[in-house]
Protein backbone atom coordinates (compact mmCIF):
# COMPACT_ATOMS: atom_id res chain seq x y z
CA MET A 1 29.48 21.18 14.56
CA ASN A 2 30.78 17.63 14.61
CA ILE A 3 28.75 14.47 13.79
CA THR A 4 30.05 10.94 14.32
CA LYS A 5 28.51 7.48 14.19
CA GLU A 6 29.10 4.57 16.55
CA GLN A 7 28.05 1.24 15.08
CA ILE A 8 26.45 -0.97 17.76
CA ASP A 9 25.71 -3.91 15.46
CA GLU A 10 24.46 -4.48 11.91
CA LEU A 11 21.01 -3.07 12.70
CA ASN A 12 21.69 -0.47 15.38
CA ALA A 13 23.88 2.63 15.62
CA VAL A 14 24.24 5.81 17.68
CA VAL A 15 24.89 9.18 16.06
CA LYS A 16 26.62 11.78 18.25
CA VAL A 17 26.23 15.48 17.46
CA ALA A 18 28.41 18.14 19.10
CA ILE A 19 27.28 21.76 18.73
CA THR A 20 29.37 24.75 19.80
CA LYS A 21 28.31 28.35 20.40
CA GLU A 22 29.82 29.37 17.07
CA ASP A 23 27.20 27.17 15.34
CA TYR A 24 24.20 29.09 16.68
CA GLU A 25 25.37 32.30 18.37
CA ASP A 26 24.96 34.67 15.39
CA LYS A 27 21.48 33.38 14.59
CA VAL A 28 20.29 33.59 18.20
CA SER A 29 21.68 37.13 18.56
CA LYS A 30 19.91 38.30 15.39
CA ILE A 31 16.56 36.88 16.55
CA LEU A 32 16.92 38.47 19.99
CA LYS A 33 17.76 41.84 18.39
CA ASP A 34 14.60 41.53 16.28
CA TYR A 35 12.64 40.71 19.46
CA ARG A 36 14.09 43.82 21.11
CA LYS A 37 12.89 46.03 18.24
CA GLN A 38 9.35 44.71 18.53
CA ALA A 39 9.05 44.12 22.29
CA ASN A 40 6.33 45.96 24.23
CA ILE A 41 7.29 45.85 27.91
CA PRO A 42 5.76 48.26 30.43
CA GLY A 43 8.24 50.92 31.60
CA PHE A 44 10.29 50.89 28.39
CA ARG A 45 9.87 52.58 25.04
CA LYS A 46 9.48 50.28 22.05
CA GLY A 47 12.94 49.27 20.84
CA GLN A 48 14.65 50.48 24.01
CA VAL A 49 14.23 47.43 26.22
CA PRO A 50 17.62 46.39 27.71
CA MET A 51 19.11 43.39 25.89
CA GLY A 52 19.75 41.71 29.25
CA LEU A 53 16.00 41.69 29.92
CA ILE A 54 15.27 40.33 26.43
CA LYS A 55 17.80 37.54 26.93
CA LYS A 56 16.39 36.71 30.34
CA GLN A 57 12.83 36.53 28.98
CA TYR A 58 13.39 34.94 25.56
CA GLY A 59 17.00 33.77 25.39
CA LYS A 60 16.58 30.14 26.49
CA ALA A 61 13.53 29.51 24.27
CA VAL A 62 15.26 30.99 21.20
CA LEU A 63 18.42 28.99 21.93
CA VAL A 64 16.51 25.72 22.25
CA ASP A 65 14.52 26.42 19.08
CA GLU A 66 17.59 27.25 16.98
CA VAL A 67 19.60 24.29 18.28
CA ASN A 68 16.71 21.95 17.46
CA LYS A 69 16.58 23.39 13.91
CA LEU A 70 20.32 22.87 13.55
CA LEU A 71 20.00 19.30 14.81
CA GLN A 72 17.16 18.43 12.45
CA ASP A 73 18.73 19.97 9.34
CA ASN A 74 22.24 18.63 9.89
CA LEU A 75 21.19 15.20 11.09
CA ASN A 76 19.01 14.70 7.99
CA LYS A 77 21.86 15.96 5.79
CA TYR A 78 24.29 13.56 7.49
CA LEU A 79 22.02 10.55 7.02
CA THR A 80 21.61 11.41 3.33
CA GLU A 81 25.31 12.00 2.69
CA GLU A 82 26.33 8.83 4.52
CA LYS A 83 23.57 6.90 2.67
CA LEU A 84 22.25 5.43 5.89
CA ASP A 85 19.01 3.50 5.30
CA VAL A 86 17.18 4.05 8.57
CA LEU A 87 13.87 2.66 9.79
CA GLY A 88 11.52 5.06 11.52
CA ASN A 89 13.28 8.24 12.70
CA PRO A 90 16.34 8.86 14.88
CA LEU A 91 15.41 8.70 18.56
CA PRO A 92 17.11 11.18 20.93
CA LYS A 93 18.74 9.48 23.93
CA GLN A 94 17.51 10.74 27.27
CA GLN A 95 20.04 13.05 28.98
CA ASP A 96 19.30 13.97 32.60
CA ASP A 97 20.33 17.44 33.89
CA PHE A 98 21.17 18.70 30.39
CA ASN A 99 23.06 22.03 30.63
CA TRP A 100 21.97 24.46 27.91
CA ASP A 101 24.59 26.97 29.11
CA ALA A 102 27.55 24.69 28.36
CA GLU A 103 30.19 25.76 25.82
CA GLU A 104 29.51 22.58 23.82
CA LEU A 105 26.14 20.88 23.57
CA ALA A 106 26.32 17.11 22.99
CA PHE A 107 23.40 15.06 21.70
CA GLU A 108 23.02 11.36 20.92
CA PHE A 109 20.47 9.70 18.64
CA GLU A 110 19.65 6.01 18.33
CA LEU A 111 19.26 4.67 14.79
CA GLY A 112 17.50 1.53 13.59
CA LEU A 113 19.12 0.43 10.33
CA ALA A 114 17.43 -1.41 7.48
CA PRO A 115 18.81 -4.94 7.00
CA GLU A 116 20.65 -6.07 3.90
CA PHE A 117 19.07 -9.01 2.06
CA GLU A 118 18.35 -10.44 -1.39
CA VAL A 119 14.94 -11.15 -2.95
CA PRO A 120 14.97 -14.16 -5.29
CA LEU A 121 11.76 -13.84 -7.33
CA LYS A 122 11.99 -17.45 -8.48
CA THR A 123 10.82 -19.16 -5.31
CA LYS A 124 11.45 -22.90 -4.98
CA LYS A 125 7.78 -23.79 -4.96
CA ALA A 126 5.78 -22.56 -7.95
CA ILE A 127 2.92 -20.11 -7.33
CA THR A 128 -0.40 -20.77 -9.06
CA ARG A 129 -1.44 -18.23 -11.68
CA TYR A 130 -5.13 -18.67 -12.39
CA LYS A 131 -6.57 -18.28 -15.88
CA ILE A 132 -10.33 -18.00 -15.44
CA ILE A 133 -12.43 -19.02 -18.43
CA ALA A 134 -16.07 -18.39 -19.19
CA ASP A 135 -17.55 -21.84 -19.84
CA LYS A 136 -20.56 -22.67 -22.02
CA LYS A 137 -22.97 -22.73 -19.05
CA MET A 138 -21.92 -19.25 -17.89
CA ILE A 139 -22.19 -17.80 -21.40
CA GLU A 140 -25.67 -19.28 -21.91
CA GLU A 141 -26.80 -17.87 -18.56
CA GLN A 142 -25.46 -14.44 -19.48
CA VAL A 143 -27.26 -14.51 -22.84
CA GLU A 144 -30.51 -15.33 -21.01
CA ARG A 145 -29.92 -12.52 -18.49
CA PHE A 146 -29.44 -10.03 -21.32
CA ARG A 147 -32.54 -11.29 -23.13
CA LYS A 148 -34.56 -10.94 -19.92
CA GLN A 149 -33.17 -7.46 -19.28
CA TYR A 150 -34.21 -6.22 -22.74
CA GLY A 151 -37.35 -8.36 -23.01
CA LYS A 152 -41.01 -7.33 -22.60
CA LEU A 153 -43.09 -7.65 -19.45
CA ILE A 154 -46.47 -9.33 -19.96
CA ASN A 155 -48.96 -8.81 -17.15
CA LYS A 156 -50.65 -11.94 -15.77
CA SER A 157 -53.48 -12.68 -13.36
CA GLU A 158 -52.05 -15.88 -11.88
CA VAL A 159 -48.56 -16.97 -10.79
CA GLY A 160 -46.89 -19.42 -13.16
CA LYS A 161 -43.37 -20.82 -13.60
CA ASP A 162 -40.47 -18.31 -13.75
CA ASP A 163 -42.70 -15.23 -13.32
CA GLU A 164 -41.69 -11.98 -11.62
CA LEU A 165 -43.77 -10.89 -8.65
CA ASN A 166 -44.01 -7.32 -7.37
CA GLY A 167 -45.03 -7.38 -3.73
CA ILE A 168 -44.37 -6.54 -0.08
CA PHE A 169 -42.61 -8.64 2.57
CA LYS A 170 -43.84 -8.04 6.14
CA ASN A 171 -43.05 -9.21 9.65
CA GLU A 172 -44.19 -6.86 12.40
CA ALA A 173 -42.11 -8.45 15.18
CA GLU A 174 -38.88 -7.93 13.19
CA GLU A 175 -40.07 -4.55 11.87
CA ILE A 176 -39.83 -5.77 8.28
CA GLU A 177 -41.89 -4.09 5.56
CA ASN A 178 -40.22 -3.94 2.16
CA LYS A 179 -41.55 -3.57 -1.36
CA THR A 180 -39.55 -5.66 -3.80
CA ILE A 181 -39.49 -7.80 -6.95
CA VAL A 182 -39.17 -11.57 -6.57
CA GLU A 183 -38.02 -13.68 -9.53
CA LEU A 184 -39.36 -17.18 -9.10
CA ASP A 185 -36.32 -18.77 -10.76
CA LYS A 186 -34.17 -17.30 -7.93
CA ILE A 187 -36.23 -19.10 -5.25
CA LYS A 188 -34.54 -22.21 -3.88
CA SER A 189 -37.27 -23.54 -1.53
CA LYS A 190 -39.57 -25.97 -3.34
CA LYS A 191 -42.12 -25.45 -0.58
CA ALA A 192 -42.13 -21.71 -1.30
CA GLN A 193 -42.45 -22.31 -5.04
CA GLU A 194 -45.47 -24.54 -4.49
CA ALA A 195 -47.02 -22.01 -2.08
CA LEU A 196 -46.77 -19.24 -4.67
CA LYS A 197 -47.88 -21.28 -7.67
CA GLY A 198 -51.38 -20.33 -8.87
CA LYS A 199 -51.73 -17.36 -6.51
CA LYS A 200 -53.34 -14.09 -7.67
CA VAL A 201 -52.82 -10.37 -7.15
CA GLY A 202 -53.83 -9.46 -3.59
CA ASP A 203 -53.05 -12.89 -2.13
CA THR A 204 -50.78 -13.09 0.93
CA ILE A 205 -48.51 -16.10 1.40
CA SER A 206 -46.52 -17.03 4.52
CA LEU A 207 -42.94 -18.01 3.65
CA SER A 208 -39.98 -19.24 5.68
CA THR A 209 -36.77 -17.20 5.30
CA LYS A 210 -34.50 -20.22 5.82
CA GLY A 211 -33.21 -21.42 2.45
CA LEU A 212 -35.69 -19.21 0.60
CA PHE A 213 -33.35 -18.00 -2.16
CA LYS A 214 -30.59 -19.67 -4.19
CA GLU A 215 -28.18 -16.82 -3.34
CA ASP A 216 -27.86 -15.66 0.29
CA PHE A 217 -27.58 -11.95 -0.58
CA LEU A 218 -31.03 -12.00 -2.21
CA LEU A 219 -32.76 -12.43 1.16
CA SER A 220 -31.19 -9.23 2.51
CA SER A 221 -32.31 -7.31 -0.58
CA ALA A 222 -35.83 -8.80 -0.53
CA LEU A 223 -36.44 -8.00 3.15
CA GLY A 224 -34.68 -4.63 3.08
CA ILE A 225 -32.41 -5.40 6.05
CA ALA A 226 -28.65 -5.63 6.59
CA ARG A 227 -27.00 -8.77 5.28
CA ASP A 228 -25.47 -9.70 8.64
CA LYS A 229 -28.99 -9.88 10.10
CA THR A 230 -30.06 -12.46 7.50
CA GLU A 231 -27.16 -14.90 7.95
CA LYS A 232 -29.01 -17.13 10.47
CA LEU A 233 -32.49 -15.65 10.10
CA ASN A 234 -35.20 -18.29 10.39
CA ILE A 235 -38.62 -16.63 10.65
CA LYS A 236 -41.93 -16.52 8.82
CA VAL A 237 -42.66 -13.52 6.60
CA ASP A 238 -45.86 -12.59 4.78
CA PHE A 239 -45.56 -11.79 1.09
CA THR A 240 -48.47 -9.90 -0.48
CA ILE A 241 -48.60 -10.03 -4.29
CA GLU A 242 -49.25 -6.66 -5.97
CA GLU A 243 -48.37 -7.51 -9.57
CA ILE A 244 -47.57 -10.63 -11.61
CA ASN A 245 -45.46 -10.39 -14.78
CA GLN A 246 -43.97 -12.80 -17.23
CA ARG A 247 -40.84 -11.60 -18.99
CA GLU A 248 -40.78 -12.40 -22.68
CA LEU A 249 -37.19 -12.86 -23.81
CA ALA A 250 -35.81 -10.40 -26.36
CA ALA A 251 -35.28 -11.82 -29.85
CA LEU A 252 -31.71 -12.56 -30.90
CA ASP A 253 -31.77 -9.97 -33.67
CA GLN A 254 -29.63 -7.02 -34.78
CA GLU A 255 -31.66 -4.53 -32.73
CA PHE A 256 -30.87 -6.55 -29.59
CA PHE A 257 -27.17 -6.87 -30.48
CA ASP A 258 -26.89 -3.11 -31.12
CA LYS A 259 -28.53 -2.29 -27.76
CA LEU A 260 -25.94 -4.42 -25.98
CA PHE A 261 -22.69 -3.45 -27.69
CA GLY A 262 -23.33 -0.60 -30.11
CA LYS A 263 -24.16 -0.55 -33.78
CA ASP A 264 -22.86 -3.51 -35.81
CA VAL A 265 -20.27 -4.59 -33.21
CA VAL A 266 -22.02 -7.99 -33.05
CA SER A 267 -24.16 -9.40 -35.86
CA SER A 268 -24.94 -13.02 -34.91
CA GLU A 269 -25.61 -15.27 -31.93
CA ALA A 270 -22.18 -16.86 -32.31
CA GLU A 271 -20.50 -13.43 -32.28
CA LEU A 272 -22.62 -12.47 -29.26
CA LYS A 273 -21.38 -15.47 -27.30
CA ASN A 274 -17.78 -14.83 -28.33
CA LYS A 275 -18.11 -11.20 -27.22
CA ILE A 276 -19.57 -12.23 -23.85
CA LYS A 277 -16.75 -14.76 -23.40
CA GLU A 278 -14.11 -12.17 -24.28
CA ASP A 279 -15.55 -9.45 -22.00
CA SER A 280 -16.12 -11.85 -19.09
CA GLU A 281 -12.61 -13.27 -19.22
CA LYS A 282 -11.17 -9.75 -19.34
CA GLN A 283 -13.01 -8.96 -16.10
CA PHE A 284 -11.93 -12.29 -14.59
CA GLU A 285 -8.31 -11.43 -15.40
CA GLN A 286 -8.43 -8.54 -12.91
CA GLN A 287 -9.53 -10.92 -10.14
CA ALA A 288 -6.92 -13.49 -11.10
CA ASP A 289 -4.22 -10.79 -11.16
CA GLN A 290 -5.19 -9.57 -7.70
CA LYS A 291 -5.05 -13.14 -6.41
CA LEU A 292 -1.60 -13.60 -7.99
CA LEU A 293 -0.32 -10.34 -6.49
CA ASN A 294 -1.56 -11.36 -3.03
CA ASP A 295 -0.05 -14.86 -3.33
CA VAL A 296 3.37 -13.62 -4.49
CA THR A 297 3.38 -11.07 -1.67
CA GLU A 298 2.60 -13.73 0.93
CA ARG A 299 5.22 -16.11 -0.50
CA LEU A 300 7.93 -13.42 -0.45
CA ILE A 301 7.15 -12.45 3.14
CA GLU A 302 7.33 -16.14 4.05
CA SER A 303 10.51 -16.99 2.13
CA VAL A 304 12.70 -13.86 2.36
CA LYS A 305 14.34 -13.97 5.79
CA PHE A 306 16.06 -11.06 7.54
CA ASP A 307 16.33 -9.60 11.04
CA LEU A 308 14.92 -6.24 12.10
CA PRO A 309 16.07 -3.83 14.85
CA THR A 310 13.10 -5.02 16.89
CA GLU A 311 13.83 -3.29 20.20
CA PHE A 312 14.51 0.02 18.46
CA LEU A 313 11.27 -0.20 16.47
CA LYS A 314 9.23 -1.02 19.58
CA LYS A 315 10.75 1.98 21.35
CA TRP A 316 10.09 4.17 18.29
CA ILE A 317 6.43 3.07 18.19
CA GLN A 318 6.13 3.73 21.91
CA MET A 319 7.52 7.25 21.72
CA THR A 320 6.38 8.71 18.38
CA GLY A 321 2.63 8.03 18.18
CA GLU A 322 -0.14 10.56 18.71
CA LYS A 323 0.04 9.67 22.39
CA PRO A 324 2.74 7.79 24.34
CA LEU A 325 2.13 4.04 24.61
CA THR A 326 2.96 1.63 27.37
CA GLU A 327 5.61 -0.99 26.67
CA GLU A 328 2.91 -3.64 26.32
CA GLU A 329 0.88 -1.50 23.91
CA ALA A 330 3.98 -0.81 21.82
CA ASN A 331 4.78 -4.55 21.66
CA ASP A 332 1.23 -5.30 20.48
CA GLU A 333 1.42 -2.56 17.86
CA TYR A 334 4.74 -3.88 16.61
CA GLU A 335 3.32 -7.39 16.24
CA LYS A 336 0.48 -5.99 14.13
CA SER A 337 2.75 -3.91 11.88
CA GLU A 338 5.79 -6.21 11.50
CA LYS A 339 4.43 -8.12 8.50
CA GLY A 340 3.59 -4.89 6.65
CA LEU A 341 7.02 -3.44 7.42
CA ARG A 342 8.73 -6.56 6.12
CA TYR A 343 6.85 -6.34 2.84
CA GLN A 344 7.61 -2.61 2.51
CA LEU A 345 11.31 -3.45 2.75
CA ILE A 346 10.96 -6.38 0.32
CA GLU A 347 9.00 -4.24 -2.15
CA GLY A 348 11.56 -1.44 -1.89
CA LYS A 349 14.38 -3.90 -2.59
CA ILE A 350 12.53 -5.33 -5.63
CA MET A 351 11.95 -1.81 -6.99
CA LYS A 352 15.61 -0.89 -6.49
CA ASP A 353 16.98 -4.12 -8.01
CA ASN A 354 14.70 -3.86 -11.06
CA ASN A 355 14.85 -0.07 -11.53
CA ILE A 356 11.10 0.30 -11.03
CA GLU A 357 9.93 3.86 -10.55
CA ILE A 358 6.96 6.02 -11.50
CA GLN A 359 7.40 9.04 -13.79
CA PHE A 360 4.91 11.91 -13.88
CA ASP A 361 3.94 11.37 -17.53
CA GLU A 362 3.21 7.68 -17.11
CA LEU A 363 1.16 8.39 -13.98
CA LYS A 364 -0.84 10.96 -15.96
CA ASP A 365 -1.39 8.42 -18.78
CA PHE A 366 -2.48 5.85 -16.21
CA ALA A 367 -4.95 8.38 -14.77
CA LYS A 368 -6.31 9.15 -18.26
CA ASN A 369 -6.87 5.46 -19.01
CA PHE A 370 -8.64 5.05 -15.66
CA ILE A 371 -10.87 8.06 -16.41
CA LYS A 372 -11.57 6.73 -19.92
CA THR A 373 -12.71 3.40 -18.48
CA GLN A 374 -14.97 5.17 -15.98
CA MET A 375 -16.52 7.31 -18.71
CA ALA A 376 -17.15 4.25 -20.90
CA GLN A 377 -19.32 2.79 -18.14
CA TYR A 378 -21.62 5.78 -18.59
CA GLY A 379 -21.77 5.49 -22.37
CA GLN A 380 -19.01 8.00 -23.24
CA MET A 381 -16.98 5.72 -25.46
CA ASN A 382 -14.72 8.24 -27.26
CA PRO A 383 -13.98 11.28 -25.05
CA ALA A 384 -11.86 14.01 -26.60
CA GLU A 385 -8.16 14.03 -25.70
CA GLU A 386 -8.42 17.60 -24.41
CA GLU A 387 -11.26 16.61 -22.08
CA LEU A 388 -9.28 13.64 -20.75
CA GLU A 389 -6.22 15.84 -20.24
CA ASN A 390 -8.20 18.43 -18.26
CA ILE A 391 -9.87 15.84 -16.03
CA ALA A 392 -6.56 14.05 -15.43
CA MET A 393 -4.84 17.27 -14.36
CA ARG A 394 -7.68 18.06 -11.94
CA VAL A 395 -7.42 14.55 -10.47
CA MET A 396 -3.65 14.88 -10.10
CA SER A 397 -3.99 18.14 -8.20
CA ASN A 398 -5.46 16.08 -5.36
CA GLN A 399 -2.66 14.48 -3.32
CA ASP A 400 -4.88 11.67 -2.04
CA GLU A 401 -5.82 10.74 -5.62
CA VAL A 402 -2.18 10.88 -6.70
CA LYS A 403 -1.24 8.53 -3.87
CA ARG A 404 -4.06 6.10 -4.74
CA LEU A 405 -3.22 6.07 -8.47
CA SER A 406 0.51 5.72 -7.72
CA GLU A 407 -0.16 2.66 -5.56
CA GLN A 408 -2.31 1.12 -8.31
CA LEU A 409 0.32 1.79 -10.98
CA MET A 410 3.09 0.40 -8.78
CA SER A 411 1.04 -2.75 -8.15
CA GLN A 412 0.63 -3.13 -11.92
CA LYS A 413 4.38 -2.73 -12.49
CA LEU A 414 5.16 -5.31 -9.80
CA LEU A 415 2.54 -7.67 -11.22
CA ASP A 416 4.11 -7.40 -14.69
CA LEU A 417 7.52 -8.16 -13.16
CA TYR A 418 6.19 -11.20 -11.27
CA LYS A 419 4.56 -12.56 -14.44
CA GLU A 420 7.90 -12.26 -16.19
CA LYS A 421 10.31 -13.48 -13.51
CA ALA A 422 8.50 -15.36 -10.73
CA ASN A 423 8.15 -19.14 -10.62
CA LEU A 424 4.53 -19.50 -11.76
CA LYS A 425 2.35 -22.38 -12.92
CA THR A 426 -0.80 -21.59 -14.89
CA LYS A 427 -4.05 -23.25 -13.90
CA GLU A 428 -7.14 -22.92 -16.08
CA VAL A 429 -10.43 -22.91 -14.18
CA THR A 430 -14.04 -21.83 -14.59
CA TYR A 431 -15.15 -18.85 -12.54
CA GLU A 432 -17.31 -21.12 -10.38
CA ASN A 433 -14.34 -23.36 -9.57
CA PHE A 434 -12.09 -20.34 -9.01
CA VAL A 435 -14.48 -19.03 -6.35
CA LYS A 436 -14.68 -22.45 -4.70
CA GLU A 437 -10.92 -22.97 -4.73
CA VAL A 438 -9.90 -19.49 -3.63
CA TYR A 439 -12.71 -18.45 -1.28
CA GLY A 440 -14.05 -21.83 -0.21
């Protein structure tokens, strides 16, 4: 067997493979002899079928199968040994009237080669790294939410300010009938507030859905319908009051602190607020990190320039999908995938240049930390190491989970690298301003 490469240009090459009978003859003969031993053909005893008949019936199929195996194995070996960084897979060139009976079988494969480029992490223009802080207003609101959550409900006969109303929303035309709890301090419409004020259990009030609540998602929850249906909903709904409650705020005492964070973790109002600030900003950090990762990714795709073997990739997409595509369909698919392919190449280059890789033990530790965090959410604060180890090994026996955790760990490694080496400028903002600035 002889394999040679013809370089077309920097991004395209053709590999030529020449296979002679000596490369496959022994293997084909052995398989055909095995077929002869097992063949059941009418008129012949088992194992006594003439070899000429076996060759006529099975010879071509066995030959094609063995040659294809040889091609696959040796072509992959050649690409590895020659350290050719290919995109997609080698594409066989069409050969009309191919003669499988020839003394030498010649095959050609088109290659799309990965471009060579550099990735400067310090981009000219600095990328904003957000530091989200919990301001005084947010902390005070969180303290009140906790006090409401752990406070007492006092039943009332008449609706007053900031009460909670259990009741049913109805609108027959829209097929709405949903039992819910309405907190008056979440209602935005002053007209609705006035309509509810002073009402008693059993009263039914007609309310307009437009601008009813301070937060848009509350309308969907209150009416029991999909959020997309409430975006421009402007109808009248009847709300029948079934129960009126006033929530008495929990006292800021040690019992309350222990319920929130465990025994003696917090022992004063000042410590409570500091703890809320610390926990909130830790959660905000995850959102800020994700924003930073997205922004660095976009900047690198925008700033790192290189050519791709576009025509090869379009042809590869056209020929190797679940079903063959038209040229137009392949072009559309390429347009959709080009940005992702560019970042895959950029990410691979960054990993190679900075020796970033994932070892089994660190992936297992990452899985254990993830599991520990999940367990803490359900009150299991100190799981035994043996329990964590067993759960982690079960998780890592699932290939889909391994892939998901590997992607998360790689993102974390890249994020750490960007924080260290990228051109960043830190901007301190409240969560409210972060949402406005980032999501509009």
